[in-house]
Amino acid sequence: MTESEAAKLTLWGFVDAFGEALVVELAENTDLGETWHTLPREGQEDHIVTQLEDFIADYDEGDVPVPWLKIGLLAMTAWVREKRPDLFPDTEPDLELPF
């Protein structure tokens, strides 16, 4: 890739591909697809941080790639739940994330 070509790259050019990859990941991750709305909104940041720490520990310990699409799904879940709290009933605060 030339310097000129690299200068023209934007993240906007990858939004559709990333969205399509998220759709595939969600279809393959049936646990999250079926339970994301039942996880407690209260404390979701702590649950997500714990999951991220687990992903990084797996990466550090075993040459396991960072699961960027799972991270994207966690972010999407938190975002939807924060933007539309009216859609989600109160849930038990001790549920675990499903991956």
PDB file of N, CA and C in Angstrom:
ATOM      1  N   MET A   1       0.852  -1.169   0.000  1.00  0.00           N
ATOM      2  CA  MET A   1       0.000   0.000   0.000  1.00  0.00           C
ATOM      3  C   MET A   1       0.898   1.233   0.000  1.00  0.00           C
ATOM      4  N   THR A   2       0.556   2.144  -0.845  1.00  0.00           N
ATOM      5  CA  THR A   2       1.340   3.369  -0.915  1.00  0.00           C
ATOM      6  C   THR A   2       0.947   4.307   0.221  1.00  0.00           C
ATOM      7  N   GLU A   3       1.794   5.292   0.449  1.00  0.00           N
ATOM      8  CA  GLU A   3       1.498   6.286   1.478  1.00  0.00           C
ATOM      9  C   GLU A   3       0.226   7.044   1.140  1.00  0.00           C
ATOM     10  N   SER A   4       0.016   7.317  -0.123  1.00  0.00           N
ATOM     11  CA  SER A   4      -1.180   8.019  -0.571  1.00  0.00           C
ATOM     12  C   SER A   4      -2.432   7.179  -0.313  1.00  0.00           C
ATOM     13  N   GLU A   5      -2.355   5.890  -0.598  1.00  0.00           N
ATOM     14  CA  GLU A   5      -3.490   4.997  -0.343  1.00  0.00           C
ATOM     15  C   GLU A   5      -3.782   4.901   1.159  1.00  0.00           C
ATOM     16  N   ALA A   6      -2.729   4.803   1.958  1.00  0.00           N
ATOM     17  CA  ALA A   6      -2.891   4.713   3.410  1.00  0.00           C
ATOM     18  C   ALA A   6      -3.534   5.980   3.960  1.00  0.00           C
ATOM     19  N   ALA A   7      -3.184   7.112   3.399  1.00  0.00           N
ATOM     20  CA  ALA A   7      -3.738   8.378   3.866  1.00  0.00           C
ATOM     21  C   ALA A   7      -5.241   8.470   3.601  1.00  0.00           C
ATOM     22  N   LYS A   8      -5.735   7.718   2.618  1.00  0.00           N
ATOM     23  CA  LYS A   8      -7.156   7.753   2.268  1.00  0.00           C
ATOM     24  C   LYS A   8      -7.992   6.775   3.097  1.00  0.00           C
ATOM     25  N   LEU A   9      -7.341   5.894   3.837  1.00  0.00           N
ATOM     26  CA  LEU A   9      -8.078   4.931   4.652  1.00  0.00           C
ATOM     27  C   LEU A   9      -8.804   5.631   5.790  1.00  0.00           C
ATOM     28  N   THR A  10     -10.031   5.226   6.015  1.00  0.00           N
ATOM     29  CA  THR A  10     -10.787   5.717   7.169  1.00  0.00           C
ATOM     30  C   THR A  10     -11.488   4.531   7.826  1.00  0.00           C
ATOM     31  N   LEU A  11     -11.806   4.675   9.078  1.00  0.00           N
ATOM     32  CA  LEU A  11     -12.565   3.615   9.749  1.00  0.00           C
ATOM     33  C   LEU A  11     -13.959   3.471   9.144  1.00  0.00           C
ATOM     34  N   TRP A  12     -14.487   4.550   8.589  1.00  0.00           N
ATOM     35  CA  TRP A  12     -15.812   4.477   7.965  1.00  0.00           C
ATOM     36  C   TRP A  12     -15.863   3.392   6.914  1.00  0.00           C
ATOM     37  N   GLY A  13     -14.776   3.173   6.246  1.00  0.00           N
ATOM     38  CA  GLY A  13     -14.730   2.160   5.196  1.00  0.00           C
ATOM     39  C   GLY A  13     -14.850   0.736   5.716  1.00  0.00           C
ATOM     40  N   PHE A  14     -14.733   0.550   7.013  1.00  0.00           N
ATOM     41  CA  PHE A  14     -14.790  -0.791   7.591  1.00  0.00           C
ATOM     42  C   PHE A  14     -16.046  -1.022   8.434  1.00  0.00           C
ATOM     43  N   VAL A  15     -16.888  -0.024   8.556  1.00  0.00           N
ATOM     44  CA  VAL A  15     -18.075  -0.142   9.407  1.00  0.00           C
ATOM     45  C   VAL A  15     -18.984  -1.283   8.940  1.00  0.00           C
ATOM     46  N   ASP A  16     -19.264  -1.357   7.653  1.00  0.00           N
ATOM     47  CA  ASP A  16     -20.155  -2.408   7.153  1.00  0.00           C
ATOM     48  C   ASP A  16     -19.573  -3.799   7.390  1.00  0.00           C
ATOM     49  N   ALA A  17     -18.295  -3.967   7.119  1.00  0.00           N
ATOM     50  CA  ALA A  17     -17.656  -5.270   7.300  1.00  0.00           C
ATOM     51  C   ALA A  17     -17.647  -5.669   8.773  1.00  0.00           C
ATOM     52  N   PHE A  18     -17.373  -4.710   9.649  1.00  0.00           N
ATOM     53  CA  PHE A  18     -17.368  -4.997  11.079  1.00  0.00           C
ATOM     54  C   PHE A  18     -18.778  -5.376  11.541  1.00  0.00           C
ATOM     55  N   GLY A  19     -19.767  -4.641  11.067  1.00  0.00           N
ATOM     56  CA  GLY A  19     -21.159  -4.959  11.410  1.00  0.00           C
ATOM     57  C   GLY A  19     -21.541  -6.356  10.952  1.00  0.00           C
ATOM     58  N   GLU A  20     -21.141  -6.729   9.750  1.00  0.00           N
ATOM     59  CA  GLU A  20     -21.417  -8.078   9.243  1.00  0.00           C
ATOM     60  C   GLU A  20     -20.719  -9.138  10.092  1.00  0.00           C
ATOM     61  N   ALA A  21     -19.488  -8.860  10.505  1.00  0.00           N
ATOM     62  CA  ALA A  21     -18.762  -9.801  11.359  1.00  0.00           C
ATOM     63  C   ALA A  21     -19.431  -9.931  12.725  1.00  0.00           C
ATOM     64  N   LEU A  22     -19.957  -8.828  13.257  1.00  0.00           N
ATOM     65  CA  LEU A  22     -20.691  -8.887  14.522  1.00  0.00           C
ATOM     66  C   LEU A  22     -21.943  -9.745  14.389  1.00  0.00           C
ATOM     67  N   VAL A  23     -22.631  -9.641  13.271  1.00  0.00           N
ATOM     68  CA  VAL A  23     -23.829 -10.455  13.036  1.00  0.00           C
ATOM     69  C   VAL A  23     -23.467 -11.937  13.061  1.00  0.00           C
ATOM     70  N   VAL A  24     -22.366 -12.296  12.402  1.00  0.00           N
ATOM     71  CA  VAL A  24     -21.920 -13.694  12.392  1.00  0.00           C
ATOM     72  C   VAL A  24     -21.550 -14.138  13.808  1.00  0.00           C
ATOM     73  N   GLU A  25     -20.808 -13.309  14.537  1.00  0.00           N
ATOM     74  CA  GLU A  25     -20.412 -13.644  15.911  1.00  0.00           C
ATOM     75  C   GLU A  25     -21.643 -13.831  16.794  1.00  0.00           C
ATOM     76  N   LEU A  26     -22.616 -12.966  16.657  1.00  0.00           N
ATOM     77  CA  LEU A  26     -23.831 -13.071  17.458  1.00  0.00           C
ATOM     78  C   LEU A  26     -24.587 -14.350  17.117  1.00  0.00           C
ATOM     79  N   ALA A  27     -24.635 -14.703  15.850  1.00  0.00           N
ATOM     80  CA  ALA A  27     -25.313 -15.937  15.440  1.00  0.00           C
ATOM     81  C   ALA A  27     -24.602 -17.168  16.009  1.00  0.00           C
ATOM     82  N   GLU A  28     -23.274 -17.105  16.087  1.00  0.00           N
ATOM     83  CA  GLU A  28     -22.502 -18.235  16.603  1.00  0.00           C
ATOM     84  C   GLU A  28     -22.507 -18.277  18.125  1.00  0.00           C
ATOM     85  N   ASN A  29     -22.690 -17.151  18.778  1.00  0.00           N
ATOM     86  CA  ASN A  29     -22.672 -17.068  20.230  1.00  0.00           C
ATOM     87  C   ASN A  29     -24.124 -17.071  20.723  1.00  0.00           C
ATOM     88  N   THR A  30     -24.763 -18.241  20.635  1.00  0.00           N
ATOM     89  CA  THR A  30     -26.189 -18.312  20.953  1.00  0.00           C
ATOM     90  C   THR A  30     -26.475 -17.986  22.408  1.00  0.00           C
ATOM     91  N   ASP A  31     -25.534 -18.258  23.318  1.00  0.00           N
ATOM     92  CA  ASP A  31     -25.769 -17.918  24.728  1.00  0.00           C
ATOM     93  C   ASP A  31     -25.998 -16.427  24.896  1.00  0.00           C
ATOM     94  N   LEU A  32     -25.127 -15.617  24.327  1.00  0.00           N
ATOM     95  CA  LEU A  32     -25.290 -14.170  24.453  1.00  0.00           C
ATOM     96  C   LEU A  32     -26.536 -13.712  23.704  1.00  0.00           C
ATOM     97  N   GLY A  33     -26.776 -14.276  22.538  1.00  0.00           N
ATOM     98  CA  GLY A  33     -27.947 -13.892  21.757  1.00  0.00           C
ATOM     99  C   GLY A  33     -29.254 -14.117  22.487  1.00  0.00           C
ATOM    100  N   GLU A  34     -29.275 -15.104  23.380  1.00  0.00           N
ATOM    101  CA  GLU A  34     -30.501 -15.427  24.101  1.00  0.00           C
ATOM    102  C   GLU A  34     -30.564 -14.791  25.489  1.00  0.00           C
ATOM    103  N   THR A  35     -29.439 -14.332  26.031  1.00  0.00           N
ATOM    104  CA  THR A  35     -29.437 -13.878  27.424  1.00  0.00           C
ATOM    105  C   THR A  35     -29.028 -12.431  27.624  1.00  0.00           C
ATOM    106  N   TRP A  36     -28.605 -11.749  26.591  1.00  0.00           N
ATOM    107  CA  TRP A  36     -28.053 -10.404  26.778  1.00  0.00           C
ATOM    108  C   TRP A  36     -29.016  -9.472  27.482  1.00  0.00           C
ATOM    109  N   HIS A  37     -30.297  -9.630  27.239  1.00  0.00           N
ATOM    110  CA  HIS A  37     -31.284  -8.724  27.834  1.00  0.00           C
ATOM    111  C   HIS A  37     -31.636  -9.105  29.269  1.00  0.00           C
ATOM    112  N   THR A  38     -31.167 -10.260  29.752  1.00  0.00           N
ATOM    113  CA  THR A  38     -31.477 -10.670  31.122  1.00  0.00           C
ATOM    114  C   THR A  38     -30.357 -10.335  32.093  1.00  0.00           C
ATOM    115  N   LEU A  39     -29.209  -9.958  31.588  1.00  0.00           N
ATOM    116  CA  LEU A  39     -28.100  -9.601  32.465  1.00  0.00           C
ATOM    117  C   LEU A  39     -28.420  -8.276  33.155  1.00  0.00           C
ATOM    118  N   PRO A  40     -28.012  -8.128  34.403  1.00  0.00           N
ATOM    119  CA  PRO A  40     -28.359  -6.912  35.133  1.00  0.00           C
ATOM    120  C   PRO A  40     -27.661  -5.681  34.563  1.00  0.00           C
ATOM    121  N   ARG A  41     -28.419  -4.615  34.395  1.00  0.00           N
ATOM    122  CA  ARG A  41     -27.824  -3.354  33.932  1.00  0.00           C
ATOM    123  C   ARG A  41     -26.949  -2.766  35.030  1.00  0.00           C
ATOM    124  N   GLU A  42     -27.417  -2.872  36.251  1.00  0.00           N
ATOM    125  CA  GLU A  42     -26.645  -2.398  37.403  1.00  0.00           C
ATOM    126  C   GLU A  42     -25.358  -3.225  37.499  1.00  0.00           C
ATOM    127  N   GLY A  43     -24.224  -2.564  37.497  1.00  0.00           N
ATOM    128  CA  GLY A  43     -22.950  -3.260  37.612  1.00  0.00           C
ATOM    129  C   GLY A  43     -22.442  -3.875  36.324  1.00  0.00           C
ATOM    130  N   GLN A  44     -23.072  -3.543  35.186  1.00  0.00           N
ATOM    131  CA  GLN A  44     -22.638  -4.165  33.943  1.00  0.00           C
ATOM    132  C   GLN A  44     -21.193  -3.795  33.598  1.00  0.00           C
ATOM    133  N   GLU A  45     -20.760  -2.615  34.005  1.00  0.00           N
ATOM    134  CA  GLU A  45     -19.375  -2.226  33.735  1.00  0.00           C
ATOM    135  C   GLU A  45     -18.405  -3.164  34.442  1.00  0.00           C
ATOM    136  N   ASP A  46     -18.711  -3.496  35.708  1.00  0.00           N
ATOM    137  CA  ASP A  46     -17.844  -4.417  36.446  1.00  0.00           C
ATOM    138  C   ASP A  46     -17.821  -5.792  35.798  1.00  0.00           C
ATOM    139  N   HIS A  47     -18.974  -6.266  35.333  1.00  0.00           N
ATOM    140  CA  HIS A  47     -19.027  -7.561  34.645  1.00  0.00           C
ATOM    141  C   HIS A  47     -18.187  -7.527  33.371  1.00  0.00           C
ATOM    142  N   ILE A  48     -18.291  -6.440  32.643  1.00  0.00           N
ATOM    143  CA  ILE A  48     -17.558  -6.324  31.386  1.00  0.00           C
ATOM    144  C   ILE A  48     -16.060  -6.217  31.641  1.00  0.00           C
ATOM    145  N   VAL A  49     -15.655  -5.437  32.629  1.00  0.00           N
ATOM    146  CA  VAL A  49     -14.230  -5.325  32.963  1.00  0.00           C
ATOM    147  C   VAL A  49     -13.666  -6.696  33.344  1.00  0.00           C
ATOM    148  N   THR A  50     -14.410  -7.459  34.127  1.00  0.00           N
ATOM    149  CA  THR A  50     -13.972  -8.809  34.499  1.00  0.00           C
ATOM    150  C   THR A  50     -13.802  -9.673  33.263  1.00  0.00           C
ATOM    151  N   GLN A  51     -14.750  -9.587  32.346  1.00  0.00           N
ATOM    152  CA  GLN A  51     -14.660 -10.376  31.115  1.00  0.00           C
ATOM    153  C   GLN A  51     -13.445  -9.941  30.287  1.00  0.00           C
ATOM    154  N   LEU A  52     -13.213  -8.645  30.192  1.00  0.00           N
ATOM    155  CA  LEU A  52     -12.042  -8.148  29.462  1.00  0.00           C
ATOM    156  C   LEU A  52     -10.745  -8.637  30.101  1.00  0.00           C
ATOM    157  N   GLU A  53     -10.694  -8.620  31.427  1.00  0.00           N
ATOM    158  CA  GLU A  53      -9.508  -9.124  32.127  1.00  0.00           C
ATOM    159  C   GLU A  53      -9.285 -10.603  31.822  1.00  0.00           C
ATOM    160  N   ASP A  54     -10.364 -11.374  31.752  1.00  0.00           N
ATOM    161  CA  ASP A  54     -10.251 -12.794  31.396  1.00  0.00           C
ATOM    162  C   ASP A  54      -9.726 -12.959  29.966  1.00  0.00           C
ATOM    163  N   PHE A  55     -10.232 -12.146  29.050  1.00  0.00           N
ATOM    164  CA  PHE A  55      -9.755 -12.219  27.663  1.00  0.00           C
ATOM    165  C   PHE A  55      -8.260 -11.914  27.590  1.00  0.00           C
ATOM    166  N   ILE A  56      -7.816 -10.883  28.303  1.00  0.00           N
ATOM    167  CA  ILE A  56      -6.404 -10.493  28.287  1.00  0.00           C
ATOM    168  C   ILE A  56      -5.547 -11.568  28.957  1.00  0.00           C
ATOM    169  N   ALA A  57      -6.031 -12.143  30.057  1.00  0.00           N
ATOM    170  CA  ALA A  57      -5.282 -13.221  30.724  1.00  0.00           C
ATOM    171  C   ALA A  57      -5.132 -14.415  29.787  1.00  0.00           C
ATOM    172  N   ASP A  58      -6.192 -14.768  29.071  1.00  0.00           N
ATOM    173  CA  ASP A  58      -6.106 -15.866  28.107  1.00  0.00           C
ATOM    174  C   ASP A  58      -5.081 -15.550  27.027  1.00  0.00           C
ATOM    175  N   TYR A  59      -5.076 -14.321  26.564  1.00  0.00           N
ATOM    176  CA  TYR A  59      -4.109 -13.884  25.552  1.00  0.00           C
ATOM    177  C   TYR A  59      -2.686 -13.975  26.097  1.00  0.00           C
ATOM    178  N   ASP A  60      -2.475 -13.459  27.293  1.00  0.00           N
ATOM    179  CA  ASP A  60      -1.138 -13.456  27.892  1.00  0.00           C
ATOM    180  C   ASP A  60      -0.623 -14.864  28.179  1.00  0.00           C
ATOM    181  N   GLU A  61      -1.513 -15.761  28.555  1.00  0.00           N
ATOM    182  CA  GLU A  61      -1.104 -17.087  29.000  1.00  0.00           C
ATOM    183  C   GLU A  61      -0.998 -18.115  27.887  1.00  0.00           C
ATOM    184  N   GLY A  62      -1.685 -17.920  26.794  1.00  0.00           N
ATOM    185  CA  GLY A  62      -1.706 -19.025  25.856  1.00  0.00           C
ATOM    186  C   GLY A  62      -1.716 -18.702  24.392  1.00  0.00           C
ATOM    187  N   ASP A  63      -1.243 -17.548  24.003  1.00  0.00           N
ATOM    188  CA  ASP A  63      -1.223 -17.223  22.593  1.00  0.00           C
ATOM    189  C   ASP A  63      -2.619 -17.336  21.975  1.00  0.00           C
ATOM    190  N   VAL A  64      -3.626 -16.930  22.753  1.00  0.00           N
ATOM    191  CA  VAL A  64      -5.010 -16.910  22.291  1.00  0.00           C
ATOM    192  C   VAL A  64      -5.291 -15.508  21.773  1.00  0.00           C
ATOM    193  N   PRO A  65      -5.829 -15.392  20.580  1.00  0.00           N
ATOM    194  CA  PRO A  65      -6.106 -14.043  20.076  1.00  0.00           C
ATOM    195  C   PRO A  65      -7.152 -13.321  20.934  1.00  0.00           C
ATOM    196  N   VAL A  66      -7.032 -12.019  20.995  1.00  0.00           N
ATOM    197  CA  VAL A  66      -8.037 -11.214  21.687  1.00  0.00           C
ATOM    198  C   VAL A  66      -9.333 -11.317  20.882  1.00  0.00           C
ATOM    199  N   PRO A  67     -10.445 -11.670  21.526  1.00  0.00           N
ATOM    200  CA  PRO A  67     -11.712 -11.843  20.796  1.00  0.00           C
ATOM    201  C   PRO A  67     -12.418 -10.503  20.547  1.00  0.00           C
ATOM    202  N   TRP A  68     -11.932  -9.777  19.573  1.00  0.00           N
ATOM    203  CA  TRP A  68     -12.428  -8.422  19.330  1.00  0.00           C
ATOM    204  C   TRP A  68     -13.924  -8.379  19.071  1.00  0.00           C
ATOM    205  N   LEU A  69     -14.454  -9.380  18.385  1.00  0.00           N
ATOM    206  CA  LEU A  69     -15.891  -9.356  18.105  1.00  0.00           C
ATOM    207  C   LEU A  69     -16.709  -9.582  19.375  1.00  0.00           C
ATOM    208  N   LYS A  70     -16.240 -10.427  20.275  1.00  0.00           N
ATOM    209  CA  LYS A  70     -16.935 -10.597  21.560  1.00  0.00           C
ATOM    210  C   LYS A  70     -16.895  -9.292  22.350  1.00  0.00           C
ATOM    211  N   ILE A  71     -15.770  -8.610  22.288  1.00  0.00           N
ATOM    212  CA  ILE A  71     -15.660  -7.313  22.954  1.00  0.00           C
ATOM    213  C   ILE A  71     -16.652  -6.327  22.324  1.00  0.00           C
ATOM    214  N   GLY A  72     -16.754  -6.376  21.007  1.00  0.00           N
ATOM    215  CA  GLY A  72     -17.732  -5.526  20.319  1.00  0.00           C
ATOM    216  C   GLY A  72     -19.155  -5.829  20.753  1.00  0.00           C
ATOM    217  N   LEU A  73     -19.471  -7.108  20.937  1.00  0.00           N
ATOM    218  CA  LEU A  73     -20.816  -7.477  21.394  1.00  0.00           C
ATOM    219  C   LEU A  73     -21.068  -7.021  22.827  1.00  0.00           C
ATOM    220  N   LEU A  74     -20.049  -7.101  23.674  1.00  0.00           N
ATOM    221  CA  LEU A  74     -20.201  -6.589  25.038  1.00  0.00           C
ATOM    222  C   LEU A  74     -20.499  -5.095  25.005  1.00  0.00           C
ATOM    223  N   ALA A  75     -19.761  -4.360  24.173  1.00  0.00           N
ATOM    224  CA  ALA A  75     -19.970  -2.920  24.061  1.00  0.00           C
ATOM    225  C   ALA A  75     -21.365  -2.622  23.519  1.00  0.00           C
ATOM    226  N   MET A  76     -21.791  -3.372  22.534  1.00  0.00           N
ATOM    227  CA  MET A  76     -23.112  -3.158  21.950  1.00  0.00           C
ATOM    228  C   MET A  76     -24.198  -3.431  22.981  1.00  0.00           C
ATOM    229  N   THR A  77     -24.054  -4.511  23.729  1.00  0.00           N
ATOM    230  CA  THR A  77     -25.024  -4.856  24.763  1.00  0.00           C
ATOM    231  C   THR A  77     -25.145  -3.730  25.786  1.00  0.00           C
ATOM    232  N   ALA A  78     -24.008  -3.260  26.291  1.00  0.00           N
ATOM    233  CA  ALA A  78     -24.027  -2.177  27.284  1.00  0.00           C
ATOM    234  C   ALA A  78     -24.651  -0.916  26.695  1.00  0.00           C
ATOM    235  N   TRP A  79     -24.301  -0.602  25.468  1.00  0.00           N
ATOM    236  CA  TRP A  79     -24.809   0.606  24.832  1.00  0.00           C
ATOM    237  C   TRP A  79     -26.328   0.562  24.670  1.00  0.00           C
ATOM    238  N   VAL A  80     -26.839  -0.562  24.169  1.00  0.00           N
ATOM    239  CA  VAL A  80     -28.287  -0.686  23.984  1.00  0.00           C
ATOM    240  C   VAL A  80     -29.001  -0.579  25.325  1.00  0.00           C
ATOM    241  N   ARG A  81     -28.450  -1.259  26.329  1.00  0.00           N
ATOM    242  CA  ARG A  81     -29.104  -1.255  27.638  1.00  0.00           C
ATOM    243  C   ARG A  81     -29.073   0.129  28.282  1.00  0.00           C
ATOM    244  N   GLU A  82     -28.018   0.890  28.050  1.00  0.00           N
ATOM    245  CA  GLU A  82     -27.953   2.243  28.597  1.00  0.00           C
ATOM    246  C   GLU A  82     -28.858   3.207  27.836  1.00  0.00           C
ATOM    247  N   LYS A  83     -28.965   3.022  26.532  1.00  0.00           N
ATOM    248  CA  LYS A  83     -29.798   3.913  25.728  1.00  0.00           C
ATOM    249  C   LYS A  83     -31.287   3.624  25.887  1.00  0.00           C
ATOM    250  N   ARG A  84     -31.629   2.355  26.183  1.00  0.00           N
ATOM    251  CA  ARG A  84     -33.037   1.970  26.290  1.00  0.00           C
ATOM    252  C   ARG A  84     -33.314   1.174  27.563  1.00  0.00           C
ATOM    253  N   PRO A  85     -33.071   1.755  28.730  1.00  0.00           N
ATOM    254  CA  PRO A  85     -33.297   1.029  29.985  1.00  0.00           C
ATOM    255  C   PRO A  85     -34.760   0.642  30.181  1.00  0.00           C
ATOM    256  N   ASP A  86     -35.656   1.344  29.507  1.00  0.00           N
ATOM    257  CA  ASP A  86     -37.082   1.044  29.628  1.00  0.00           C
ATOM    258  C   ASP A  86     -37.449  -0.326  29.075  1.00  0.00           C
ATOM    259  N   LEU A  87     -36.573  -0.919  28.267  1.00  0.00           N
ATOM    260  CA  LEU A  87     -36.862  -2.215  27.659  1.00  0.00           C
ATOM    261  C   LEU A  87     -36.526  -3.404  28.549  1.00  0.00           C
ATOM    262  N   PHE A  88     -35.811  -3.157  29.642  1.00  0.00           N
ATOM    263  CA  PHE A  88     -35.267  -4.263  30.422  1.00  0.00           C
ATOM    264  C   PHE A  88     -35.813  -4.302  31.832  1.00  0.00           C
ATOM    265  N   PRO A  89     -36.364  -5.459  32.218  1.00  0.00           N
ATOM    266  CA  PRO A  89     -36.863  -5.595  33.591  1.00  0.00           C
ATOM    267  C   PRO A  89     -35.705  -5.697  34.574  1.00  0.00           C
ATOM    268  N   ASP A  90     -36.004  -5.486  35.834  1.00  0.00           N
ATOM    269  CA  ASP A  90     -34.984  -5.700  36.864  1.00  0.00           C
ATOM    270  C   ASP A  90     -34.577  -7.168  36.830  1.00  0.00           C
ATOM    271  N   THR A  91     -33.301  -7.418  37.014  1.00  0.00           N
ATOM    272  CA  THR A  91     -32.787  -8.780  36.984  1.00  0.00           C
ATOM    273  C   THR A  91     -31.896  -9.017  38.189  1.00  0.00           C
ATOM    274  N   GLU A  92     -31.578 -10.251  38.416  1.00  0.00           N
ATOM    275  CA  GLU A  92     -30.697 -10.610  39.526  1.00  0.00           C
ATOM    276  C   GLU A  92     -29.298 -10.070  39.263  1.00  0.00           C
ATOM    277  N   PRO A  93     -28.634  -9.482  40.256  1.00  0.00           N
ATOM    278  CA  PRO A  93     -27.331  -8.870  40.026  1.00  0.00           C
ATOM    279  C   PRO A  93     -26.161  -9.845  39.962  1.00  0.00           C
ATOM    280  N   ASP A  94     -26.384 -11.137  40.132  1.00  0.00           N
ATOM    281  CA  ASP A  94     -25.248 -12.048  40.182  1.00  0.00           C
ATOM    282  C   ASP A  94     -25.159 -12.954  38.962  1.00  0.00           C
ATOM    283  N   LEU A  95     -25.835 -12.637  37.880  1.00  0.00           N
ATOM    284  CA  LEU A  95     -25.717 -13.452  36.675  1.00  0.00           C
ATOM    285  C   LEU A  95     -24.348 -13.266  36.047  1.00  0.00           C
ATOM    286  N   GLU A  96     -23.830 -14.329  35.469  1.00  0.00           N
ATOM    287  CA  GLU A  96     -22.532 -14.261  34.814  1.00  0.00           C
ATOM    288  C   GLU A  96     -22.699 -14.014  33.323  1.00  0.00           C
ATOM    289  N   LEU A  97     -21.718 -13.388  32.712  1.00  0.00           N
ATOM    290  CA  LEU A  97     -21.728 -13.219  31.270  1.00  0.00           C
ATOM    291  C   LEU A  97     -21.546 -14.592  30.625  1.00  0.00           C
ATOM    292  N   PRO A  98     -22.212 -14.841  29.501  1.00  0.00           N
ATOM    293  CA  PRO A  98     -22.264 -16.202  28.953  1.00  0.00           C
ATOM    294  C   PRO A  98     -21.099 -16.621  28.063  1.00  0.00           C
ATOM    295  N   PHE A  99     -19.945 -16.006  28.197  1.00  0.00           N
ATOM    296  CA  PHE A  99     -18.776 -16.542  27.472  1.00  0.00           C
ATOM    297  C   PHE A  99     -17.535 -16.320  28.245  1.00  0.00           C
TER     298      PHE A  99
END
